PDB file of N, CA and C in Angstrom:
ATOM      1  N   UNK A   1     168.091 -97.943 221.965  1.00  0.00           N
ATOM      2  CA  UNK A   1     168.486 -96.237 221.799  1.00  0.00           C
ATOM      3  C   UNK A   1     169.940 -96.892 221.171  1.00  0.00           C
ATOM      4  N   UNK A   2     169.951 -95.237 220.630  1.00  0.00           N
ATOM      5  CA  UNK A   2     171.136 -95.349 219.490  1.00  0.00           C
ATOM      6  C   UNK A   2     172.113 -94.058 219.998  1.00  0.00           C
ATOM      7  N   UNK A   3     173.117 -94.219 220.279  1.00  0.00           N
ATOM      8  CA  UNK A   3     174.062 -93.029 220.543  1.00  0.00           C
ATOM      9  C   UNK A   3     175.007 -92.323 219.449  1.00  0.00           C
ATOM     10  N   UNK A   4     174.443 -91.297 219.423  1.00  0.00           N
ATOM     11  CA  UNK A   4     174.470 -90.190 218.293  1.00  0.00           C
ATOM     12  C   UNK A   4     175.554 -89.780 217.625  1.00  0.00           C
ATOM     13  N   UNK A   5     176.234 -88.818 219.116  1.00  0.00           N
ATOM     14  CA  UNK A   5     177.520 -88.102 219.591  1.00  0.00           C
ATOM     15  C   UNK A   5     177.719 -88.405 220.967  1.00  0.00           C
ATOM     16  N   UNK A   6     178.865 -87.802 221.214  1.00  0.00           N
ATOM     17  CA  UNK A   6     179.813 -88.107 222.992  1.00  0.00           C
ATOM     18  C   UNK A   6     180.683 -86.685 222.608  1.00  0.00           C
ATOM     19  N   UNK A   7     180.790 -85.984 223.526  1.00  0.00           N
ATOM     20  CA  UNK A   7     181.221 -85.056 223.930  1.00  0.00           C
ATOM     21  C   UNK A   7     181.913 -85.280 225.487  1.00  0.00           C
ATOM     22  N   UNK A   8     183.421 -84.896 225.516  1.00  0.00           N
ATOM     23  CA  UNK A   8     184.257 -85.294 226.473  1.00  0.00           C
ATOM     24  C   UNK A   8     184.837 -84.052 226.647  1.00  0.00           C
ATOM     25  N   UNK A   9     184.609 -83.767 228.063  1.00  0.00           N
ATOM     26  CA  UNK A   9     185.640 -82.763 229.042  1.00  0.00           C
ATOM     27  C   UNK A   9     186.044 -82.891 229.962  1.00  0.00           C
ATOM     28  N   UNK A  10     187.610 -82.327 229.823  1.00  0.00           N
ATOM     29  CA  UNK A  10     188.739 -83.071 230.766  1.00  0.00           C
ATOM     30  C   UNK A  10     188.890 -84.298 231.283  1.00  0.00           C
ATOM     31  N   UNK A  11     189.180 -85.108 230.229  1.00  0.00           N
ATOM     32  CA  UNK A  11     189.570 -86.099 230.690  1.00  0.00           C
ATOM     33  C   UNK A  11     190.976 -86.222 229.683  1.00  0.00           C
ATOM     34  N   UNK A  12     191.809 -86.712 230.441  1.00  0.00           N
ATOM     35  CA  UNK A  12     193.521 -87.233 230.678  1.00  0.00           C
ATOM     36  C   UNK A  12     193.561 -85.831 229.381  1.00  0.00           C
ATOM     37  N   UNK A  13     193.850 -86.441 227.956  1.00  0.00           N
ATOM     38  CA  UNK A  13     194.412 -85.229 227.105  1.00  0.00           C
ATOM     39  C   UNK A  13     193.132 -84.848 226.471  1.00  0.00           C
ATOM     40  N   UNK A  14     192.138 -84.816 226.504  1.00  0.00           N
ATOM     41  CA  UNK A  14     190.770 -84.621 225.580  1.00  0.00           C
ATOM     42  C   UNK A  14     190.376 -83.313 227.001  1.00  0.00           C
ATOM     43  N   UNK A  15     190.512 -81.986 226.377  1.00  0.00           N
ATOM     44  CA  UNK A  15     189.813 -80.902 226.964  1.00  0.00           C
ATOM     45  C   UNK A  15     188.742 -80.589 226.569  1.00  0.00           C
ATOM     46  N   UNK A  16     188.170 -80.981 225.149  1.00  0.00           N
ATOM     47  CA  UNK A  16     187.118 -80.567 224.834  1.00  0.00           C
ATOM     48  C   UNK A  16     186.907 -80.991 223.735  1.00  0.00           C
ATOM     49  N   UNK A  17     186.275 -81.988 223.152  1.00  0.00           N
ATOM     50  CA  UNK A  17     185.498 -83.155 222.064  1.00  0.00           C
ATOM     51  C   UNK A  17     184.760 -83.123 222.097  1.00  0.00           C
ATOM     52  N   UNK A  18     183.993 -83.161 220.766  1.00  0.00           N
ATOM     53  CA  UNK A  18     182.850 -83.872 220.237  1.00  0.00           C
ATOM     54  C   UNK A  18     182.994 -84.545 219.044  1.00  0.00           C
ATOM     55  N   UNK A  19     181.984 -85.731 219.674  1.00  0.00           N
ATOM     56  CA  UNK A  19     182.407 -86.558 218.377  1.00  0.00           C
ATOM     57  C   UNK A  19     180.891 -87.208 217.742  1.00  0.00           C
ATOM     58  N   UNK A  20     180.839 -86.835 216.719  1.00  0.00           N
ATOM     59  CA  UNK A  20     179.495 -88.006 216.250  1.00  0.00           C
ATOM     60  C   UNK A  20     179.312 -89.126 215.327  1.00  0.00           C
ATOM     61  N   UNK A  21     178.790 -89.898 216.005  1.00  0.00           N
ATOM     62  CA  UNK A  21     178.596 -91.132 215.690  1.00  0.00           C
ATOM     63  C   UNK A  21     177.815 -91.575 214.734  1.00  0.00           C
ATOM     64  N   UNK A  22     178.438 -91.904 213.623  1.00  0.00           N
ATOM     65  CA  UNK A  22     177.846 -92.445 212.550  1.00  0.00           C
ATOM     66  C   UNK A  22     177.033 -93.777 212.534  1.00  0.00           C
ATOM     67  N   UNK A  23     175.644 -94.223 211.701  1.00  0.00           N
ATOM     68  CA  UNK A  23     175.422 -95.496 211.804  1.00  0.00           C
ATOM     69  C   UNK A  23     176.150 -96.798 211.587  1.00  0.00           C
ATOM     70  N   UNK A  24     177.179 -96.338 210.754  1.00  0.00           N
ATOM     71  CA  UNK A  24     177.307 -97.796 210.091  1.00  0.00           C
ATOM     72  C   UNK A  24     179.306 -98.080 211.008  1.00  0.00           C
ATOM     73  N   UNK A  25     179.996 -96.599 210.557  1.00  0.00           N
ATOM     74  CA  UNK A  25     181.329 -96.980 210.766  1.00  0.00           C
ATOM     75  C   UNK A  25     181.772 -95.076 211.632  1.00  0.00           C
ATOM     76  N   UNK A  26     182.391 -95.472 212.273  1.00  0.00           N
ATOM     77  CA  UNK A  26     183.325 -93.646 212.875  1.00  0.00           C
ATOM     78  C   UNK A  26     184.507 -94.424 213.376  1.00  0.00           C
ATOM     79  N   UNK A  27     185.373 -93.584 212.669  1.00  0.00           N
ATOM     80  CA  UNK A  27     186.680 -93.899 212.942  1.00  0.00           C
ATOM     81  C   UNK A  27     187.714 -92.714 213.294  1.00  0.00           C
ATOM     82  N   UNK A  28     187.888 -92.953 214.840  1.00  0.00           N
ATOM     83  CA  UNK A  28     188.814 -91.880 215.460  1.00  0.00           C
ATOM     84  C   UNK A  28     190.370 -91.837 215.017  1.00  0.00           C
ATOM     85  N   UNK A  29     190.965 -90.990 214.499  1.00  0.00           N
ATOM     86  CA  UNK A  29     192.043 -91.144 214.419  1.00  0.00           C
ATOM     87  C   UNK A  29     192.795 -89.498 214.696  1.00  0.00           C
ATOM     88  N   UNK A  30     193.930 -89.619 214.665  1.00  0.00           N
ATOM     89  CA  UNK A  30     194.899 -88.499 215.271  1.00  0.00           C
ATOM     90  C   UNK A  30     196.422 -88.545 215.390  1.00  0.00           C
ATOM     91  N   UNK A  31     196.814 -87.720 215.734  1.00  0.00           N
ATOM     92  CA  UNK A  31     198.559 -87.719 216.300  1.00  0.00           C
ATOM     93  C   UNK A  31     198.338 -89.229 217.394  1.00  0.00           C
ATOM     94  N   UNK A  32     200.082 -89.390 217.293  1.00  0.00           N
ATOM     95  CA  UNK A  32     200.234 -89.929 218.664  1.00  0.00           C
ATOM     96  C   UNK A  32     200.237 -89.000 220.047  1.00  0.00           C
ATOM     97  N   UNK A  33     199.627 -89.754 220.987  1.00  0.00           N
ATOM     98  CA  UNK A  33     199.563 -88.660 222.655  1.00  0.00           C
ATOM     99  C   UNK A  33     198.471 -87.468 221.679  1.00  0.00           C
ATOM    100  N   UNK A  34     197.448 -88.150 221.186  1.00  0.00           N
ATOM    101  CA  UNK A  34     196.453 -86.346 220.868  1.00  0.00           C
ATOM    102  C   UNK A  34     195.215 -86.805 221.983  1.00  0.00           C
ATOM    103  N   UNK A  35     194.939 -88.285 222.140  1.00  0.00           N
ATOM    104  CA  UNK A  35     193.892 -88.908 223.156  1.00  0.00           C
ATOM    105  C   UNK A  35     193.241 -89.627 222.537  1.00  0.00           C
ATOM    106  N   UNK A  36     193.625 -90.383 221.239  1.00  0.00           N
ATOM    107  CA  UNK A  36     192.435 -91.649 220.698  1.00  0.00           C
ATOM    108  C   UNK A  36     192.348 -92.612 221.993  1.00  0.00           C
ATOM    109  N   UNK A  37     193.383 -93.199 222.409  1.00  0.00           N
ATOM    110  CA  UNK A  37     192.744 -94.378 223.326  1.00  0.00           C
ATOM    111  C   UNK A  37     192.106 -94.474 224.582  1.00  0.00           C
ATOM    112  N   UNK A  38     192.735 -92.742 225.074  1.00  0.00           N
ATOM    113  CA  UNK A  38     191.287 -91.940 226.046  1.00  0.00           C
ATOM    114  C   UNK A  38     189.945 -92.446 225.784  1.00  0.00           C
ATOM    115  N   UNK A  39     189.833 -91.732 224.686  1.00  0.00           N
ATOM    116  CA  UNK A  39     188.475 -91.491 224.487  1.00  0.00           C
ATOM    117  C   UNK A  39     187.729 -93.347 223.948  1.00  0.00           C
ATOM    118  N   UNK A  40     188.766 -94.441 223.713  1.00  0.00           N
ATOM    119  CA  UNK A  40     188.091 -95.076 223.718  1.00  0.00           C
ATOM    120  C   UNK A  40     187.814 -95.903 225.028  1.00  0.00           C
ATOM    121  N   UNK A  41     189.297 -95.699 226.309  1.00  0.00           N
ATOM    122  CA  UNK A  41     188.925 -96.197 227.076  1.00  0.00           C
ATOM    123  C   UNK A  41     187.956 -95.861 228.448  1.00  0.00           C
ATOM    124  N   UNK A  42     187.540 -94.429 227.683  1.00  0.00           N
ATOM    125  CA  UNK A  42     186.349 -94.053 228.898  1.00  0.00           C
ATOM    126  C   UNK A  42     184.665 -94.542 228.110  1.00  0.00           C
ATOM    127  N   UNK A  43     185.093 -94.993 226.784  1.00  0.00           N
ATOM    128  CA  UNK A  43     183.403 -95.754 226.458  1.00  0.00           C
ATOM    129  C   UNK A  43     183.551 -96.981 227.071  1.00  0.00           C
ATOM    130  N   UNK A  44     184.646 -97.743 227.168  1.00  0.00           N
ATOM    131  CA  UNK A  44     185.054 -99.150 227.692  1.00  0.00           C
ATOM    132  C   UNK A  44     184.264 -98.848 229.383  1.00  0.00           C
ATOM    133  N   UNK A  45     184.862 -97.987 229.877  1.00  0.00           N
ATOM    134  CA  UNK A  45     184.214 -97.446 231.030  1.00  0.00           C
ATOM    135  C   UNK A  45     182.998 -97.456 231.287  1.00  0.00           C
ATOM    136  N   UNK A  46     182.055 -96.642 230.779  1.00  0.00           N
ATOM    137  CA  UNK A  46     180.647 -96.364 230.898  1.00  0.00           C
ATOM    138  C   UNK A  46     179.688 -97.390 230.108  1.00  0.00           C
ATOM    139  N   UNK A  47     179.961 -98.133 229.460  1.00  0.00           N
ATOM    140  CA  UNK A  47     180.175 -99.248 228.619  1.00  0.00           C
ATOM    141  C   UNK A  47     180.061-100.613 228.649  1.00  0.00           C
ATOM    142  N   UNK A  48     181.349-100.487 229.821  1.00  0.00           N
ATOM    143  CA  UNK A  48     182.008-102.499 229.998  1.00  0.00           C
ATOM    144  C   UNK A  48     181.154-102.807 231.189  1.00  0.00           C
ATOM    145  N   UNK A  49     181.487-103.999 231.284  1.00  0.00           N
ATOM    146  CA  UNK A  49     180.857-104.365 232.827  1.00  0.00           C
ATOM    147  C   UNK A  49     181.033-103.751 234.129  1.00  0.00           C
ATOM    148  N   UNK A  50     181.838-103.579 234.152  1.00  0.00           N
ATOM    149  CA  UNK A  50     182.682-103.118 235.718  1.00  0.00           C
ATOM    150  C   UNK A  50     181.983-101.556 235.842  1.00  0.00           C
ATOM    151  N   UNK A  51     181.519-101.018 237.353  1.00  0.00           N
ATOM    152  CA  UNK A  51     180.954 -99.808 237.449  1.00  0.00           C
ATOM    153  C   UNK A  51     182.731 -98.816 236.477  1.00  0.00           C
ATOM    154  N   UNK A  52     182.056 -97.308 236.212  1.00  0.00           N
ATOM    155  CA  UNK A  52     183.595 -96.897 235.880  1.00  0.00           C
ATOM    156  C   UNK A  52     184.000 -96.254 237.203  1.00  0.00           C
ATOM    157  N   UNK A  53     185.084 -96.271 237.130  1.00  0.00           N
ATOM    158  CA  UNK A  53     186.215 -95.583 238.092  1.00  0.00           C
ATOM    159  C   UNK A  53     187.096 -94.792 237.572  1.00  0.00           C
ATOM    160  N   UNK A  54     187.305 -93.763 238.123  1.00  0.00           N
ATOM    161  CA  UNK A  54     187.796 -92.665 238.150  1.00  0.00           C
ATOM    162  C   UNK A  54     189.294 -91.860 238.954  1.00  0.00           C
ATOM    163  N   UNK A  55     190.116 -91.786 238.373  1.00  0.00           N
ATOM    164  CA  UNK A  55     191.282 -91.832 239.245  1.00  0.00           C
ATOM    165  C   UNK A  55     191.947 -90.208 239.067  1.00  0.00           C
ATOM    166  N   UNK A  56     192.711 -89.531 240.051  1.00  0.00           N
ATOM    167  CA  UNK A  56     193.529 -88.111 239.555  1.00  0.00           C
ATOM    168  C   UNK A  56     193.940 -88.129 238.714  1.00  0.00           C
ATOM    169  N   UNK A  57     194.573 -89.044 238.322  1.00  0.00           N
ATOM    170  CA  UNK A  57     195.485 -89.341 236.719  1.00  0.00           C
ATOM    171  C   UNK A  57     194.591 -88.983 235.507  1.00  0.00           C
ATOM    172  N   UNK A  58     193.776 -89.395 235.231  1.00  0.00           N
ATOM    173  CA  UNK A  58     192.483 -89.628 234.539  1.00  0.00           C
ATOM    174  C   UNK A  58     192.343 -87.492 234.321  1.00  0.00           C
ATOM    175  N   UNK A  59     192.068 -87.157 235.214  1.00  0.00           N
ATOM    176  CA  UNK A  59     192.232 -85.232 235.056  1.00  0.00           C
ATOM    177  C   UNK A  59     193.268 -84.733 234.047  1.00  0.00           C
ATOM    178  N   UNK A  60     193.090 -83.956 233.109  1.00  0.00           N
ATOM    179  CA  UNK A  60     194.297 -83.422 232.558  1.00  0.00           C
ATOM    180  C   UNK A  60     195.188 -82.729 233.755  1.00  0.00           C
ATOM    181  N   UNK A  61     196.319 -82.767 233.227  1.00  0.00           N
ATOM    182  CA  UNK A  61     197.354 -81.551 234.170  1.00  0.00           C
ATOM    183  C   UNK A  61     196.791 -80.176 234.321  1.00  0.00           C
ATOM    184  N   UNK A  62     196.384 -79.388 232.733  1.00  0.00           N
ATOM    185  CA  UNK A  62     195.760 -78.602 233.267  1.00  0.00           C
ATOM    186  C   UNK A  62     194.944 -78.456 233.892  1.00  0.00           C
ATOM    187  N   UNK A  63     194.489 -78.948 234.718  1.00  0.00           N
ATOM    188  CA  UNK A  63     193.245 -78.695 235.757  1.00  0.00           C
ATOM    189  C   UNK A  63     194.018 -79.224 237.296  1.00  0.00           C
ATOM    190  N   UNK A  64     195.052 -79.755 237.364  1.00  0.00           N
ATOM    191  CA  UNK A  64     195.769 -80.001 238.715  1.00  0.00           C
ATOM    192  C   UNK A  64     195.757 -78.574 239.698  1.00  0.00           C
ATOM    193  N   UNK A  65     195.894 -77.462 239.088  1.00  0.00           N
ATOM    194  CA  UNK A  65     195.695 -75.818 240.107  1.00  0.00           C
ATOM    195  C   UNK A  65     194.310 -75.874 240.800  1.00  0.00           C
ATOM    196  N   UNK A  66     193.954 -76.303 239.693  1.00  0.00           N
ATOM    197  CA  UNK A  66     192.150 -76.157 240.500  1.00  0.00           C
ATOM    198  C   UNK A  66     191.686 -77.461 241.213  1.00  0.00           C
ATOM    199  N   UNK A  67     192.061 -78.283 241.069  1.00  0.00           N
ATOM    200  CA  UNK A  67     191.554 -79.805 241.732  1.00  0.00           C
ATOM    201  C   UNK A  67     193.086 -79.227 243.101  1.00  0.00           C
ATOM    202  N   UNK A  68     194.167 -78.535 243.260  1.00  0.00           N
ATOM    203  CA  UNK A  68     194.735 -78.262 244.354  1.00  0.00           C
ATOM    204  C   UNK A  68     194.183 -76.990 245.446  1.00  0.00           C
ATOM    205  N   UNK A  69     193.624 -76.157 244.845  1.00  0.00           N
ATOM    206  CA  UNK A  69     192.430 -75.215 245.193  1.00  0.00           C
ATOM    207  C   UNK A  69     191.565 -75.914 245.519  1.00  0.00           C
ATOM    208  N   UNK A  70     190.806 -76.669 245.137  1.00  0.00           N
ATOM    209  CA  UNK A  70     189.341 -76.939 245.910  1.00  0.00           C
ATOM    210  C   UNK A  70     189.700 -77.430 247.085  1.00  0.00           C
ATOM    211  N   UNK A  71     191.146 -78.503 247.302  1.00  0.00           N
ATOM    212  CA  UNK A  71     191.250 -79.236 248.264  1.00  0.00           C
ATOM    213  C   UNK A  71     192.092 -78.345 249.652  1.00  0.00           C
ATOM    214  N   UNK A  72     192.548 -77.396 248.988  1.00  0.00           N
ATOM    215  CA  UNK A  72     193.384 -76.509 250.008  1.00  0.00           C
ATOM    216  C   UNK A  72     192.004 -75.707 250.941  1.00  0.00           C
ATOM    217  N   UNK A  73     190.832 -75.644 250.115  1.00  0.00           N
ATOM    218  CA  UNK A  73     189.943 -74.337 250.757  1.00  0.00           C
ATOM    219  C   UNK A  73     188.955 -75.695 251.492  1.00  0.00           C
ATOM    220  N   UNK A  74     189.117 -77.099 251.089  1.00  0.00           N
ATOM    221  CA  UNK A  74     187.589 -77.988 251.658  1.00  0.00           C
ATOM    222  C   UNK A  74     188.565 -78.263 253.059  1.00  0.00           C
ATOM    223  N   UNK A  75     189.803 -78.402 252.780  1.00  0.00           N
ATOM    224  CA  UNK A  75     190.429 -78.806 254.153  1.00  0.00           C
ATOM    225  C   UNK A  75     190.203 -77.793 254.991  1.00  0.00           C
ATOM    226  N   UNK A  76     190.695 -76.317 254.934  1.00  0.00           N
ATOM    227  CA  UNK A  76     190.520 -75.040 255.603  1.00  0.00           C
ATOM    228  C   UNK A  76     188.702 -75.018 256.131  1.00  0.00           C
ATOM    229  N   UNK A  77     187.757 -75.122 255.211  1.00  0.00           N
ATOM    230  CA  UNK A  77     186.483 -75.188 255.574  1.00  0.00           C
ATOM    231  C   UNK A  77     186.549 -76.454 257.032  1.00  0.00           C
ATOM    232  N   UNK A  78     187.050 -77.236 256.753  1.00  0.00           N
ATOM    233  CA  UNK A  78     187.172 -78.670 257.934  1.00  0.00           C
ATOM    234  C   UNK A  78     187.628 -78.214 259.257  1.00  0.00           C
ATOM    235  N   UNK A  79     188.390 -77.375 259.294  1.00  0.00           N
ATOM    236  CA  UNK A  79     189.435 -77.004 260.512  1.00  0.00           C
ATOM    237  C   UNK A  79     188.530 -75.765 260.749  1.00  0.00           C
ATOM    238  N   UNK A  80     187.975 -75.044 260.074  1.00  0.00           N
ATOM    239  CA  UNK A  80     187.027 -73.954 260.887  1.00  0.00           C
ATOM    240  C   UNK A  80     185.808 -74.991 261.066  1.00  0.00           C
ATOM    241  N   UNK A  81     185.231 -75.296 260.805  1.00  0.00           N
ATOM    242  CA  UNK A  81     184.068 -76.310 261.226  1.00  0.00           C
ATOM    243  C   UNK A  81     184.619 -76.902 262.748  1.00  0.00           C
ATOM    244  N   UNK A  82     185.565 -77.559 263.004  1.00  0.00           N
ATOM    245  CA  UNK A  82     186.125 -78.093 264.051  1.00  0.00           C
ATOM    246  C   UNK A  82     186.241 -77.538 265.349  1.00  0.00           C
ATOM    247  N   UNK A  83     186.478 -75.681 265.028  1.00  0.00           N
ATOM    248  CA  UNK A  83     186.781 -74.706 265.989  1.00  0.00           C
ATOM    249  C   UNK A  83     185.741 -74.673 266.715  1.00  0.00           C
TER     250      UNK A  83
END
C-alpha cells in the first residue's frame, strides 16, 4: 500500500491542507509558524509505534468557541437527564 495524498483539517495551525505525496521526494515548505512541524507530527502520531493521542491543544484556536458550545450543550443535556 502506498500513501499518495493526505488531507488535514482542523489540526493546530492546519485548518484545511491537502498534500500530494510523490513517489520519491516530498518537500514541506512554508514560513515560520505555518504548520510544517504540525503536519510532520500528525504523521508521527498515526504511523509511529504509539497509539495516536490528541489533546485540546491540537485543535485550532478558531474552533475553541465550537468546543465550548458543545461542552455547554452536553452538560445541559446531562442535567436534564438527571431530573
